[in-house]
């Protein structure tokens, strides 16, 4: 269960996410939903969003994501996941989102905290060179999709671009190219 303080982050992170995605995916329809209170598959069904999906795979999304964006361009919808934490992002927090991301394969997956990334996770990635753990989806001929870890700047209500792992991850988020 999210802490009351964590719940307070959802509206401002959701507003930032909507603007961020609208800028990156100019021809797409962007909907950002607070989905923390129930499994994503129930949320999709209960809110009549099942028509956004070309297959019934959404029935398997028995995961609880804090914020879910639906990015729809033409007849294709992609998901974007954001998990919010108030304490430093731990390996446990990361592992939870990694599992969610492996299940639903969102276009973008982010883990944000005003406290930034915790020392154990930061050391694993930077000191021991294990940035491979950020990857959750691989397609032949394309760059692997990676979880983005970032410090949430409560003052400006946005991600601190100088506190993002992997470093260039924000600028790499673009509309997918047609195959």
Foldseek 3Di string as FASTA:
>chain_A
DADPVQVVLLVLLQVQVQVLVCVQQVQWDKDKDQQQPAFQLVVCVVVVVCQLDPDPLSNVRRAGFGMWMWTDHDSHTFIETEHEDAAAADPVNLVSQLVSCLSRVGLAYEYEYQHFHDDVVCCVCPVVVVQVSQFRDDDPPDDTHGYKTFYQDPVVSGTDLPRIPVNCVSVPDHDDDDD
